[in-house]
């Protein structure tokens, strides 16, 4: 199954979630556009995740909250989120979407805290390596685009990763993940 097939399946599955007709039409159009796009192999990777904000509200009241947060989010994410369930939930959805786009989930050495979702000064969400650990498939070197949304008790994220062309030479950045300069 190609990445485009996987996103088409994800979009079809997401249409079973209670969504407006406009949202379902948009998902269908996106699936059609992606199916027509020549990605030059498997360079375009897409992940989608939906998360229950209420689960995070409940989790914040749990005795094991501190350990869960420390293992899941970076210090910068926690500072930005200020224990607000909707902010934590949408970042969790984004981390899941990134892991799905990579194609491994949280296996192969990838942990949630290795993926940091941060807010660019212009307001757009960004992906960067949260801990000094290489990601599977060198995904820490990919170009990432995110769309995040939360409303009431639902948080959703779409992550689009573009793998570098195999024709490009490996750079120093490919060797060790870190924060963009």
Foldseek 3Di string as FASTA:
>chain_A
DAQLVVLLVVLVVCVVPDDDPVSNVVSVVVSVVSVPDDLVGRQKFKFKFKFFLVVLVVLLPDPCNVVVCVQAAAPVQCVVCVSRSQSVGQLSQALQGLLVRLPHGCDPPRGNHQWHWDADPVGAIAIFGRDWDQDPPLQNPWHKHKDWDDDDGMIMMMIITGHDDPPDDDDPCSVITDDDD
